[in-house]
């Protein structure tokens, strides 16, 4: 559940992860397989949009993922189901609860789906300041335009950030121009307790000495 909530993987991408797809030192997940349940059969293929990608994971997940992979071979699944096979669909219905639904119920949080956790990861990424291209790559969207269309509401807060950044930039530019003005420099020199000799300034002491 933590990988879904903080990395934004699709359910099939998470259940398709193998030990060889993890780089714990660099904190990267290589998304190369997608395990989709069609009826009662799990079909393993390439990720959606036919693109492999690399997804970062937060440092606090490193130890847990390392434990999850301990004692397994490179081709073993990181999150296996029964008999080491792929996990089945994450059903959340009371009459047909999956492992995922059981975990959600045991945690005490409101009923959520794996896709809800993908949206949570998106929200975390935007809040952390991820740019649109990095955000797009993390989620595996075909284009940045699609990412913006789906998650446009998450970027509303950026409008305030843009306004503050512009205000700060203009303020700095105004101060720079003011100090570059020779007339302003002359006035400031008259007010400051310094004596200027050429380009050097000397502080005037309390007794009038330098």
N, C-alpha and C. Protein backbone atom coordinates (compact mmCIF):
# COMPACT_ATOMS: atom_id res chain seq x y z
N UNK A 1 0.83 -1.21 0.00
CA UNK A 1 0.00 0.00 0.00
C UNK A 1 0.86 1.25 0.00
N UNK A 2 1.99 1.21 0.70
CA UNK A 2 2.87 2.38 0.76
C UNK A 2 3.47 2.69 -0.61
N UNK A 3 3.82 1.66 -1.36
CA UNK A 3 4.38 1.86 -2.70
C UNK A 3 3.33 2.51 -3.60
N UNK A 4 2.09 2.07 -3.48
CA UNK A 4 1.01 2.66 -4.28
C UNK A 4 0.79 4.12 -3.90
N UNK A 5 0.83 4.41 -2.60
CA UNK A 5 0.51 5.75 -2.11
C UNK A 5 1.63 6.76 -2.33
N UNK A 6 2.88 6.30 -2.39
CA UNK A 6 3.99 7.26 -2.50
C UNK A 6 4.72 7.20 -3.84
N UNK A 7 4.43 6.19 -4.66
CA UNK A 7 5.11 6.08 -5.95
C UNK A 7 4.17 6.23 -7.14
N UNK A 8 2.86 6.13 -6.89
CA UNK A 8 1.89 6.36 -7.95
C UNK A 8 1.80 5.26 -8.99
N UNK A 9 2.17 4.03 -8.62
CA UNK A 9 2.08 2.93 -9.58
C UNK A 9 0.64 2.49 -9.79
N UNK A 10 0.37 1.97 -10.96
CA UNK A 10 -0.90 1.31 -11.21
C UNK A 10 -0.85 -0.06 -10.52
N UNK A 11 -2.03 -0.62 -10.23
CA UNK A 11 -2.08 -1.91 -9.52
C UNK A 11 -1.28 -2.98 -10.27
N UNK A 12 -1.46 -3.07 -11.57
CA UNK A 12 -0.76 -4.08 -12.36
C UNK A 12 0.74 -3.88 -12.39
N UNK A 13 1.18 -2.62 -12.31
CA UNK A 13 2.61 -2.33 -12.28
C UNK A 13 3.23 -2.75 -10.95
N UNK A 14 2.49 -2.51 -9.87
CA UNK A 14 2.98 -2.88 -8.54
C UNK A 14 3.04 -4.40 -8.38
N UNK A 15 1.99 -5.09 -8.83
CA UNK A 15 1.97 -6.55 -8.69
C UNK A 15 2.93 -7.22 -9.67
N UNK A 16 3.35 -6.48 -10.69
CA UNK A 16 4.29 -7.03 -11.66
C UNK A 16 5.75 -6.78 -11.31
N UNK A 17 5.99 -6.04 -10.23
CA UNK A 17 7.37 -5.73 -9.83
C UNK A 17 8.13 -6.99 -9.43
N UNK A 18 9.32 -7.14 -9.95
CA UNK A 18 10.20 -8.25 -9.57
C UNK A 18 11.43 -7.68 -8.86
N UNK A 19 12.12 -8.55 -8.16
CA UNK A 19 13.29 -8.11 -7.38
C UNK A 19 14.30 -7.39 -8.27
N UNK A 20 14.48 -7.87 -9.50
CA UNK A 20 15.45 -7.27 -10.40
C UNK A 20 15.06 -5.85 -10.84
N UNK A 21 13.82 -5.48 -10.58
CA UNK A 21 13.34 -4.14 -10.96
C UNK A 21 13.60 -3.10 -9.89
N UNK A 22 14.18 -3.50 -8.77
CA UNK A 22 14.45 -2.56 -7.67
C UNK A 22 15.92 -2.20 -7.60
N UNK A 23 16.19 -0.92 -7.47
CA UNK A 23 17.55 -0.42 -7.20
C UNK A 23 17.46 0.30 -5.86
N UNK A 24 17.72 -0.43 -4.78
CA UNK A 24 17.55 0.12 -3.44
C UNK A 24 18.56 1.24 -3.16
N UNK A 25 19.77 1.13 -3.68
CA UNK A 25 20.78 2.16 -3.44
C UNK A 25 20.40 3.49 -4.06
N UNK A 26 19.90 3.45 -5.28
CA UNK A 26 19.50 4.68 -5.97
C UNK A 26 18.04 5.05 -5.68
N UNK A 27 17.33 4.18 -4.98
CA UNK A 27 15.91 4.36 -4.64
C UNK A 27 15.08 4.56 -5.91
N UNK A 28 15.16 3.54 -6.77
CA UNK A 28 14.42 3.58 -8.03
C UNK A 28 13.69 2.26 -8.26
N UNK A 29 12.51 2.38 -8.87
CA UNK A 29 11.74 1.22 -9.32
C UNK A 29 11.73 1.26 -10.84
N UNK A 30 12.12 0.16 -11.48
CA UNK A 30 12.05 0.08 -12.93
C UNK A 30 10.72 -0.57 -13.32
N UNK A 31 9.86 0.20 -13.91
CA UNK A 31 8.54 -0.29 -14.29
C UNK A 31 8.63 -0.88 -15.69
N UNK A 32 8.71 -2.19 -15.76
CA UNK A 32 8.90 -2.87 -17.04
C UNK A 32 7.80 -3.88 -17.34
N UNK A 33 7.01 -4.25 -16.34
CA UNK A 33 5.95 -5.23 -16.54
C UNK A 33 4.63 -4.72 -15.95
N UNK A 34 3.55 -5.19 -16.53
CA UNK A 34 2.22 -4.83 -16.06
C UNK A 34 1.38 -6.11 -16.03
N UNK A 35 0.95 -6.51 -14.84
CA UNK A 35 0.18 -7.75 -14.69
C UNK A 35 -1.30 -7.42 -14.59
N UNK A 36 -2.04 -7.74 -15.63
CA UNK A 36 -3.46 -7.40 -15.71
C UNK A 36 -4.30 -8.67 -15.62
N UNK A 37 -5.32 -8.63 -14.78
CA UNK A 37 -6.21 -9.78 -14.65
C UNK A 37 -7.34 -9.65 -15.66
N UNK A 38 -7.44 -10.64 -16.53
CA UNK A 38 -8.51 -10.70 -17.53
C UNK A 38 -9.34 -11.94 -17.21
N UNK A 39 -10.51 -11.72 -16.64
CA UNK A 39 -11.30 -12.86 -16.17
C UNK A 39 -10.60 -13.49 -14.99
N UNK A 40 -10.25 -14.73 -15.12
CA UNK A 40 -9.53 -15.43 -14.04
C UNK A 40 -8.06 -15.62 -14.35
N UNK A 41 -7.61 -15.00 -15.45
CA UNK A 41 -6.22 -15.18 -15.90
C UNK A 41 -5.43 -13.89 -15.74
N UNK A 42 -4.19 -14.02 -15.25
CA UNK A 42 -3.28 -12.88 -15.15
C UNK A 42 -2.44 -12.82 -16.41
N UNK A 43 -2.56 -11.74 -17.15
CA UNK A 43 -1.75 -11.55 -18.35
C UNK A 43 -0.67 -10.52 -18.08
N UNK A 44 0.57 -10.91 -18.33
CA UNK A 44 1.70 -10.04 -18.07
C UNK A 44 2.22 -9.46 -19.38
N UNK A 45 2.27 -8.14 -19.45
CA UNK A 45 2.76 -7.47 -20.65
C UNK A 45 3.58 -6.25 -20.27
N UNK A 46 3.71 -5.34 -21.21
CA UNK A 46 4.46 -4.12 -20.94
C UNK A 46 3.53 -3.08 -20.32
N UNK A 47 4.09 -2.06 -19.67
CA UNK A 47 3.25 -1.03 -19.02
C UNK A 47 2.34 -0.32 -20.01
N UNK A 48 1.32 0.33 -19.46
CA UNK A 48 0.38 1.10 -20.28
C UNK A 48 1.13 2.14 -21.09
N UNK A 49 0.64 2.46 -22.25
CA UNK A 49 1.27 3.41 -23.19
C UNK A 49 2.55 2.84 -23.79
N UNK A 50 2.81 1.53 -23.54
CA UNK A 50 3.95 0.83 -24.14
C UNK A 50 5.29 1.47 -23.80
N UNK A 51 5.37 2.05 -22.61
CA UNK A 51 6.62 2.72 -22.22
C UNK A 51 7.10 2.24 -20.86
N UNK A 52 8.35 1.80 -20.83
CA UNK A 52 8.98 1.48 -19.56
C UNK A 52 9.42 2.79 -18.92
N UNK A 53 9.51 2.82 -17.61
CA UNK A 53 9.92 4.06 -16.95
C UNK A 53 10.59 3.75 -15.61
N UNK A 54 11.23 4.76 -15.06
CA UNK A 54 11.87 4.65 -13.76
C UNK A 54 11.16 5.58 -12.79
N UNK A 55 10.81 5.05 -11.62
CA UNK A 55 10.07 5.81 -10.62
C UNK A 55 10.86 5.86 -9.31
N UNK A 56 11.03 7.05 -8.73
CA UNK A 56 11.74 7.14 -7.45
C UNK A 56 10.84 6.73 -6.29
N UNK A 57 11.46 6.26 -5.22
CA UNK A 57 10.68 6.01 -4.01
C UNK A 57 11.37 6.68 -2.83
N UNK A 58 10.63 7.13 -1.83
CA UNK A 58 11.21 7.86 -0.69
C UNK A 58 12.13 6.99 0.15
N UNK A 59 13.05 7.64 0.81
CA UNK A 59 14.07 6.93 1.59
C UNK A 59 13.46 6.01 2.64
N UNK A 60 12.36 6.43 3.27
CA UNK A 60 11.81 5.63 4.36
C UNK A 60 11.26 4.28 3.89
N UNK A 61 11.11 4.09 2.57
CA UNK A 61 10.65 2.81 2.05
C UNK A 61 11.80 1.85 1.77
N UNK A 62 13.03 2.34 1.78
CA UNK A 62 14.19 1.52 1.41
C UNK A 62 14.30 0.26 2.24
N UNK A 63 14.26 0.41 3.55
CA UNK A 63 14.43 -0.74 4.44
C UNK A 63 13.28 -1.74 4.27
N UNK A 64 12.08 -1.24 4.15
CA UNK A 64 10.93 -2.13 4.01
C UNK A 64 10.97 -2.91 2.70
N UNK A 65 11.38 -2.24 1.62
CA UNK A 65 11.49 -2.93 0.34
C UNK A 65 12.63 -3.94 0.35
N UNK A 66 13.72 -3.58 1.03
CA UNK A 66 14.84 -4.52 1.14
C UNK A 66 14.41 -5.78 1.88
N UNK A 67 13.64 -5.62 2.95
CA UNK A 67 13.14 -6.79 3.68
C UNK A 67 12.19 -7.61 2.81
N UNK A 68 11.39 -6.92 2.00
CA UNK A 68 10.44 -7.61 1.13
C UNK A 68 11.15 -8.47 0.09
N UNK A 69 12.36 -8.08 -0.27
CA UNK A 69 13.13 -8.80 -1.29
C UNK A 69 14.10 -9.82 -0.70
N UNK A 70 14.28 -9.81 0.60
CA UNK A 70 15.25 -10.69 1.25
C UNK A 70 14.94 -12.16 0.96
N UNK A 71 15.98 -12.90 0.57
CA UNK A 71 15.84 -14.33 0.33
C UNK A 71 15.19 -14.70 -0.98
N UNK A 72 14.91 -13.72 -1.83
CA UNK A 72 14.25 -14.00 -3.11
C UNK A 72 15.25 -13.94 -4.26
N UNK A 73 14.91 -14.60 -5.35
CA UNK A 73 15.72 -14.54 -6.55
C UNK A 73 15.39 -13.30 -7.36
N UNK A 74 16.21 -13.01 -8.35
CA UNK A 74 16.03 -11.79 -9.15
C UNK A 74 14.69 -11.77 -9.88
N UNK A 75 14.20 -12.92 -10.29
CA UNK A 75 12.96 -12.97 -11.06
C UNK A 75 11.72 -13.16 -10.19
N UNK A 76 11.91 -13.25 -8.87
CA UNK A 76 10.76 -13.41 -7.98
C UNK A 76 9.99 -12.11 -7.85
N UNK A 77 8.69 -12.22 -7.62
CA UNK A 77 7.85 -11.04 -7.44
C UNK A 77 8.11 -10.40 -6.08
N UNK A 78 8.11 -9.07 -6.06
CA UNK A 78 8.30 -8.36 -4.81
C UNK A 78 7.07 -8.52 -3.92
N UNK A 79 5.88 -8.47 -4.52
CA UNK A 79 4.63 -8.60 -3.77
C UNK A 79 3.83 -9.79 -4.33
N UNK A 80 4.22 -10.99 -3.95
CA UNK A 80 3.55 -12.17 -4.50
C UNK A 80 2.24 -12.49 -3.80
N UNK A 81 1.38 -13.21 -4.52
CA UNK A 81 0.15 -13.72 -3.93
C UNK A 81 0.37 -15.15 -3.49
N UNK A 82 -0.65 -15.97 -3.62
CA UNK A 82 -0.53 -17.37 -3.23
C UNK A 82 0.46 -18.10 -4.13
N UNK A 83 1.26 -18.96 -3.50
CA UNK A 83 2.23 -19.79 -4.22
C UNK A 83 3.23 -18.97 -5.04
N UNK A 84 3.46 -17.70 -4.60
CA UNK A 84 4.43 -16.86 -5.28
C UNK A 84 3.95 -16.28 -6.60
N UNK A 85 2.67 -16.44 -6.89
CA UNK A 85 2.12 -15.92 -8.14
C UNK A 85 1.65 -14.47 -7.97
N UNK A 86 1.19 -13.90 -9.07
CA UNK A 86 0.73 -12.51 -9.04
C UNK A 86 -0.50 -12.36 -8.16
N UNK A 87 -0.58 -11.22 -7.47
CA UNK A 87 -1.77 -10.89 -6.69
C UNK A 87 -2.96 -10.71 -7.62
N UNK A 88 -4.12 -11.09 -7.14
CA UNK A 88 -5.34 -10.93 -7.93
C UNK A 88 -5.83 -9.49 -7.83
N UNK A 89 -6.91 -9.19 -8.50
CA UNK A 89 -7.49 -7.85 -8.46
C UNK A 89 -7.78 -7.40 -7.04
N UNK A 90 -7.59 -6.10 -6.80
CA UNK A 90 -7.80 -5.54 -5.46
C UNK A 90 -9.28 -5.21 -5.27
N UNK A 91 -10.11 -6.23 -5.10
CA UNK A 91 -11.54 -6.00 -4.91
C UNK A 91 -11.80 -5.39 -3.54
N UNK A 92 -12.76 -4.51 -3.48
CA UNK A 92 -13.07 -3.86 -2.20
C UNK A 92 -14.51 -4.13 -1.75
N UNK A 93 -15.18 -5.08 -2.40
CA UNK A 93 -16.55 -5.41 -2.05
C UNK A 93 -16.56 -6.29 -0.80
N UNK A 94 -17.51 -6.05 0.08
CA UNK A 94 -17.61 -6.80 1.33
C UNK A 94 -17.79 -8.30 1.10
N UNK A 95 -18.49 -8.65 0.02
CA UNK A 95 -18.76 -10.06 -0.23
C UNK A 95 -17.64 -10.77 -1.00
N UNK A 96 -16.62 -10.03 -1.40
CA UNK A 96 -15.53 -10.64 -2.16
C UNK A 96 -14.25 -9.84 -1.91
N UNK A 97 -13.85 -9.80 -0.66
CA UNK A 97 -12.73 -8.94 -0.28
C UNK A 97 -11.38 -9.56 -0.66
N UNK A 98 -10.49 -8.73 -1.20
CA UNK A 98 -9.15 -9.16 -1.56
C UNK A 98 -8.20 -8.85 -0.41
N UNK A 99 -6.93 -9.19 -0.62
CA UNK A 99 -5.90 -8.86 0.37
C UNK A 99 -5.88 -7.35 0.59
N UNK A 100 -5.96 -6.60 -0.50
CA UNK A 100 -5.91 -5.13 -0.40
C UNK A 100 -7.06 -4.61 0.44
N UNK A 101 -8.27 -5.10 0.17
CA UNK A 101 -9.44 -4.64 0.92
C UNK A 101 -9.31 -4.98 2.40
N UNK A 102 -8.76 -6.15 2.68
CA UNK A 102 -8.55 -6.55 4.07
C UNK A 102 -7.57 -5.64 4.77
N UNK A 103 -6.52 -5.24 4.05
CA UNK A 103 -5.53 -4.34 4.62
C UNK A 103 -6.12 -2.96 4.90
N UNK A 104 -6.96 -2.49 3.96
CA UNK A 104 -7.62 -1.19 4.14
C UNK A 104 -8.54 -1.24 5.35
N UNK A 105 -9.32 -2.30 5.45
CA UNK A 105 -10.26 -2.43 6.56
C UNK A 105 -9.52 -2.52 7.88
N UNK A 106 -8.41 -3.26 7.90
CA UNK A 106 -7.63 -3.40 9.13
C UNK A 106 -6.97 -2.11 9.57
N UNK A 107 -6.69 -1.22 8.60
CA UNK A 107 -6.02 0.05 8.93
C UNK A 107 -6.99 1.06 9.54
N UNK A 108 -8.28 0.85 9.32
CA UNK A 108 -9.27 1.76 9.89
C UNK A 108 -9.57 2.99 9.05
N UNK A 109 -8.93 3.11 7.87
CA UNK A 109 -9.19 4.26 7.01
C UNK A 109 -10.44 4.02 6.19
N UNK A 110 -11.06 5.07 5.64
CA UNK A 110 -12.25 4.88 4.79
C UNK A 110 -11.92 4.00 3.60
N UNK A 111 -12.92 3.40 3.01
CA UNK A 111 -12.68 2.51 1.89
C UNK A 111 -12.05 3.25 0.72
N UNK A 112 -10.95 2.72 0.24
CA UNK A 112 -10.23 3.32 -0.89
C UNK A 112 -9.85 2.23 -1.87
N UNK A 113 -9.50 2.64 -3.07
CA UNK A 113 -9.06 1.71 -4.11
C UNK A 113 -7.59 1.99 -4.42
N UNK A 114 -6.90 1.06 -5.10
CA UNK A 114 -5.51 1.32 -5.50
C UNK A 114 -5.38 2.60 -6.32
N UNK A 115 -6.39 2.89 -7.14
CA UNK A 115 -6.31 4.11 -7.96
C UNK A 115 -6.43 5.37 -7.09
N UNK A 116 -7.15 5.27 -5.98
CA UNK A 116 -7.21 6.40 -5.05
C UNK A 116 -5.82 6.70 -4.50
N UNK A 117 -5.06 5.64 -4.23
CA UNK A 117 -3.70 5.82 -3.71
C UNK A 117 -2.79 6.42 -4.78
N UNK A 118 -3.05 6.11 -6.02
CA UNK A 118 -2.29 6.73 -7.13
C UNK A 118 -2.53 8.24 -7.13
N UNK A 119 -3.76 8.65 -6.91
CA UNK A 119 -4.08 10.07 -6.83
C UNK A 119 -3.41 10.71 -5.61
N UNK A 120 -3.31 9.96 -4.52
CA UNK A 120 -2.63 10.47 -3.32
C UNK A 120 -1.17 10.73 -3.63
N UNK A 121 -0.53 9.80 -4.35
CA UNK A 121 0.87 9.97 -4.73
C UNK A 121 1.04 11.21 -5.59
N UNK A 122 0.09 11.44 -6.49
CA UNK A 122 0.13 12.63 -7.34
C UNK A 122 0.07 13.89 -6.50
N UNK A 123 -0.81 13.90 -5.52
CA UNK A 123 -0.96 15.07 -4.65
C UNK A 123 0.32 15.32 -3.85
N UNK A 124 0.92 14.24 -3.34
CA UNK A 124 2.17 14.37 -2.58
C UNK A 124 3.27 14.95 -3.46
N UNK A 125 3.35 14.48 -4.70
CA UNK A 125 4.40 14.93 -5.61
C UNK A 125 4.27 16.41 -5.92
N UNK A 126 3.06 16.86 -6.19
CA UNK A 126 2.83 18.27 -6.49
C UNK A 126 3.14 19.12 -5.27
N UNK A 127 2.72 18.66 -4.09
CA UNK A 127 2.98 19.41 -2.85
C UNK A 127 4.49 19.51 -2.58
N UNK A 128 5.23 18.50 -3.02
CA UNK A 128 6.68 18.51 -2.81
C UNK A 128 7.41 19.37 -3.84
N UNK A 129 6.66 19.91 -4.82
CA UNK A 129 7.27 20.80 -5.80
C UNK A 129 7.74 20.13 -7.07
N UNK A 130 7.27 18.92 -7.37
CA UNK A 130 7.68 18.23 -8.59
C UNK A 130 7.22 19.01 -9.83
N UNK A 131 8.12 19.14 -10.82
CA UNK A 131 7.70 19.82 -12.05
C UNK A 131 6.84 18.88 -12.89
N UNK A 132 6.16 19.43 -13.87
CA UNK A 132 5.18 18.66 -14.63
C UNK A 132 5.82 17.49 -15.37
N UNK A 133 7.00 17.68 -15.96
CA UNK A 133 7.63 16.61 -16.71
C UNK A 133 8.04 15.45 -15.80
N UNK A 134 8.58 15.76 -14.63
CA UNK A 134 8.95 14.71 -13.69
C UNK A 134 7.70 13.99 -13.19
N UNK A 135 6.67 14.76 -12.94
CA UNK A 135 5.37 14.25 -12.49
C UNK A 135 4.79 13.31 -13.54
N UNK A 136 4.86 13.73 -14.80
CA UNK A 136 4.35 12.91 -15.91
C UNK A 136 5.09 11.59 -16.00
N UNK A 137 6.42 11.64 -15.88
CA UNK A 137 7.23 10.43 -15.98
C UNK A 137 6.94 9.48 -14.83
N UNK A 138 6.77 10.02 -13.64
CA UNK A 138 6.48 9.19 -12.47
C UNK A 138 5.19 8.41 -12.66
N UNK A 139 4.15 9.07 -13.19
CA UNK A 139 2.85 8.44 -13.33
C UNK A 139 2.72 7.62 -14.62
N UNK A 140 3.63 7.82 -15.56
CA UNK A 140 3.59 7.06 -16.79
C UNK A 140 2.57 7.55 -17.79
N UNK A 141 2.27 8.85 -17.76
CA UNK A 141 1.33 9.42 -18.74
C UNK A 141 2.02 9.59 -20.08
N UNK A 142 1.23 9.56 -21.13
CA UNK A 142 1.79 9.67 -22.48
C UNK A 142 2.30 11.07 -22.79
N UNK A 143 1.78 12.08 -22.11
CA UNK A 143 2.21 13.46 -22.37
C UNK A 143 1.99 14.32 -21.13
N UNK A 144 2.72 15.44 -21.09
CA UNK A 144 2.54 16.38 -19.98
C UNK A 144 1.15 17.02 -20.06
N UNK A 145 0.63 17.16 -21.27
CA UNK A 145 -0.70 17.74 -21.45
C UNK A 145 -1.76 16.87 -20.77
N UNK A 146 -1.59 15.57 -20.88
CA UNK A 146 -2.53 14.66 -20.24
C UNK A 146 -2.45 14.79 -18.72
N UNK A 147 -1.22 14.89 -18.21
CA UNK A 147 -1.02 15.05 -16.76
C UNK A 147 -1.72 16.30 -16.26
N UNK A 148 -1.55 17.39 -16.99
CA UNK A 148 -2.19 18.65 -16.59
C UNK A 148 -3.70 18.57 -16.68
N UNK A 149 -4.21 17.87 -17.70
CA UNK A 149 -5.66 17.74 -17.84
C UNK A 149 -6.25 16.95 -16.67
N UNK A 150 -5.56 15.88 -16.28
CA UNK A 150 -6.09 15.01 -15.21
C UNK A 150 -5.94 15.65 -13.84
N UNK A 151 -4.79 16.32 -13.63
CA UNK A 151 -4.50 16.82 -12.28
C UNK A 151 -4.41 18.34 -12.22
N UNK A 152 -5.14 19.02 -13.07
CA UNK A 152 -5.08 20.49 -13.13
C UNK A 152 -5.40 21.12 -11.77
N UNK A 153 -6.36 20.56 -11.05
CA UNK A 153 -6.77 21.13 -9.76
C UNK A 153 -5.63 21.16 -8.75
N UNK A 154 -4.70 20.18 -8.86
CA UNK A 154 -3.60 20.12 -7.89
C UNK A 154 -2.63 21.28 -8.06
N UNK A 155 -2.64 21.90 -9.26
CA UNK A 155 -1.70 22.97 -9.54
C UNK A 155 -2.27 24.36 -9.25
N UNK A 156 -3.50 24.43 -8.75
CA UNK A 156 -4.10 25.74 -8.46
C UNK A 156 -3.28 26.52 -7.46
N UNK A 157 -2.71 25.83 -6.49
CA UNK A 157 -1.90 26.51 -5.47
C UNK A 157 -0.65 27.12 -6.05
N UNK A 158 -0.21 26.62 -7.23
CA UNK A 158 0.99 27.17 -7.85
C UNK A 158 0.79 28.61 -8.29
N UNK A 159 -0.47 29.01 -8.50
CA UNK A 159 -0.72 30.39 -8.93
C UNK A 159 -0.23 31.37 -7.88
N UNK A 160 -0.43 31.05 -6.60
CA UNK A 160 0.07 31.91 -5.52
C UNK A 160 1.58 31.94 -5.52
N UNK A 161 2.19 30.76 -5.77
CA UNK A 161 3.65 30.68 -5.80
C UNK A 161 4.22 31.52 -6.92
N UNK A 162 3.56 31.46 -8.09
CA UNK A 162 4.01 32.26 -9.23
C UNK A 162 3.92 33.74 -8.91
N UNK A 163 2.82 34.15 -8.29
CA UNK A 163 2.62 35.56 -7.93
C UNK A 163 3.71 36.04 -6.97
N UNK A 164 4.00 35.21 -5.96
CA UNK A 164 5.02 35.59 -4.97
C UNK A 164 6.41 35.66 -5.63
N UNK A 165 6.69 34.68 -6.52
CA UNK A 165 7.99 34.66 -7.19
C UNK A 165 8.18 35.89 -8.07
N UNK A 166 7.13 36.27 -8.80
CA UNK A 166 7.20 37.45 -9.66
C UNK A 166 7.41 38.72 -8.83
N UNK A 167 6.67 38.80 -7.72
CA UNK A 167 6.80 39.96 -6.85
C UNK A 167 8.21 40.07 -6.30
N UNK A 168 8.77 38.92 -5.90
CA UNK A 168 10.13 38.91 -5.35
C UNK A 168 11.15 39.32 -6.41
N UNK A 169 10.97 38.79 -7.64
CA UNK A 169 11.91 39.11 -8.72
C UNK A 169 11.89 40.59 -9.06
N UNK A 170 10.68 41.16 -9.14
CA UNK A 170 10.56 42.59 -9.46
C UNK A 170 11.14 43.45 -8.35
N UNK A 171 10.94 43.03 -7.10
CA UNK A 171 11.48 43.78 -5.96
C UNK A 171 12.99 43.80 -6.00
N UNK A 172 13.61 42.66 -6.31
CA UNK A 172 15.06 42.59 -6.39
C UNK A 172 15.59 43.47 -7.52
N UNK A 173 14.88 43.43 -8.66
CA UNK A 173 15.30 44.24 -9.80
C UNK A 173 15.21 45.73 -9.48
N UNK A 174 14.16 46.11 -8.77
CA UNK A 174 13.99 47.51 -8.41
C UNK A 174 15.08 47.98 -7.46
N UNK A 175 15.42 47.14 -6.49
CA UNK A 175 16.48 47.48 -5.53
C UNK A 175 17.81 47.60 -6.24
N UNK A 176 18.06 46.68 -7.19
CA UNK A 176 19.32 46.72 -7.93
C UNK A 176 19.46 47.99 -8.74
N UNK A 177 18.39 48.41 -9.40
CA UNK A 177 18.42 49.65 -10.19
C UNK A 177 18.62 50.86 -9.28
N UNK A 178 18.00 50.82 -8.11
CA UNK A 178 18.10 51.95 -7.19
C UNK A 178 19.54 52.13 -6.72
N UNK A 179 20.20 51.01 -6.36
CA UNK A 179 21.58 51.11 -5.88
C UNK A 179 22.55 51.46 -7.01
N UNK A 180 22.16 51.13 -8.25
CA UNK A 180 23.05 51.45 -9.38
C UNK A 180 22.97 52.91 -9.76
N UNK A 181 21.97 53.63 -9.26
CA UNK A 181 21.80 55.04 -9.57
C UNK A 181 22.85 55.87 -8.81
N UNK A 182 23.73 56.61 -9.52
CA UNK A 182 24.78 57.41 -8.86
C UNK A 182 24.22 58.42 -7.86
N UNK A 183 23.10 59.04 -8.16
CA UNK A 183 22.50 60.01 -7.25
C UNK A 183 22.10 59.36 -5.94
N UNK A 184 21.55 58.12 -6.04
CA UNK A 184 21.14 57.42 -4.81
C UNK A 184 22.37 57.06 -3.99
N UNK A 185 23.45 56.64 -4.67
CA UNK A 185 24.67 56.28 -3.95
C UNK A 185 25.22 57.48 -3.19
N UNK A 186 25.16 58.65 -3.83
CA UNK A 186 25.67 59.87 -3.19
C UNK A 186 24.89 60.21 -1.93
N UNK A 187 23.57 60.08 -2.01
CA UNK A 187 22.73 60.36 -0.85
C UNK A 187 23.00 59.37 0.27
N UNK A 188 23.18 58.09 -0.08
CA UNK A 188 23.42 57.08 0.94
C UNK A 188 24.76 57.27 1.61
N UNK A 189 25.74 57.67 0.85
CA UNK A 189 27.07 57.88 1.42
C UNK A 189 27.04 59.01 2.44
N UNK A 190 26.19 59.98 2.19
CA UNK A 190 26.09 61.11 3.13
C UNK A 190 25.45 60.69 4.44
N UNK A 191 24.66 59.65 4.42
CA UNK A 191 23.95 59.21 5.61
C UNK A 191 24.73 58.15 6.40
N UNK A 192 25.58 57.40 5.71
CA UNK A 192 26.28 56.31 6.39
C UNK A 192 27.52 56.81 7.13
N UNK A 193 27.89 56.20 8.26
CA UNK A 193 29.05 56.63 9.04
C UNK A 193 30.36 56.10 8.46
N UNK A 194 30.54 56.30 7.15
CA UNK A 194 31.76 55.84 6.50
C UNK A 194 32.42 57.01 5.77
N UNK A 195 33.71 56.89 5.59
CA UNK A 195 34.45 57.81 4.73
C UNK A 195 34.89 57.01 3.52
N UNK A 196 34.60 57.53 2.33
CA UNK A 196 34.94 56.82 1.12
C UNK A 196 36.17 57.44 0.50
N UNK A 197 37.17 56.63 0.22
CA UNK A 197 38.38 57.06 -0.48
C UNK A 197 38.52 56.18 -1.71
N UNK A 198 38.18 56.73 -2.85
CA UNK A 198 38.14 55.94 -4.07
C UNK A 198 37.04 54.91 -3.97
N UNK A 199 37.39 53.65 -4.16
CA UNK A 199 36.41 52.58 -4.08
C UNK A 199 36.38 51.92 -2.71
N UNK A 200 37.18 52.43 -1.76
CA UNK A 200 37.26 51.83 -0.43
C UNK A 200 36.51 52.68 0.59
N UNK A 201 35.89 51.97 1.57
CA UNK A 201 35.12 52.65 2.61
C UNK A 201 35.74 52.37 3.97
N UNK A 202 35.83 53.44 4.82
CA UNK A 202 36.42 53.30 6.14
C UNK A 202 35.38 53.75 7.17
N UNK A 203 35.17 52.93 8.21
CA UNK A 203 34.20 53.25 9.24
C UNK A 203 34.75 54.36 10.13
N UNK A 204 33.90 55.36 10.42
CA UNK A 204 34.27 56.47 11.29
C UNK A 204 34.04 56.06 12.73
N UNK A 205 35.07 56.22 13.56
CA UNK A 205 34.93 55.84 14.97
C UNK A 205 34.17 56.87 15.74
N UNK A 206 33.84 56.55 17.02
CA UNK A 206 33.04 57.44 17.86
C UNK A 206 33.73 58.73 18.14
N UNK A 207 35.08 58.79 18.10
CA UNK A 207 35.81 60.02 18.40
C UNK A 207 36.12 60.81 17.12
N UNK A 208 35.50 60.35 16.01
CA UNK A 208 35.73 61.05 14.75
C UNK A 208 36.91 60.50 13.99
N UNK A 209 37.66 59.56 14.63
CA UNK A 209 38.80 58.97 13.95
C UNK A 209 38.33 57.91 12.96
N UNK A 210 39.28 57.45 12.18
CA UNK A 210 38.97 56.43 11.17
C UNK A 210 39.66 55.13 11.57
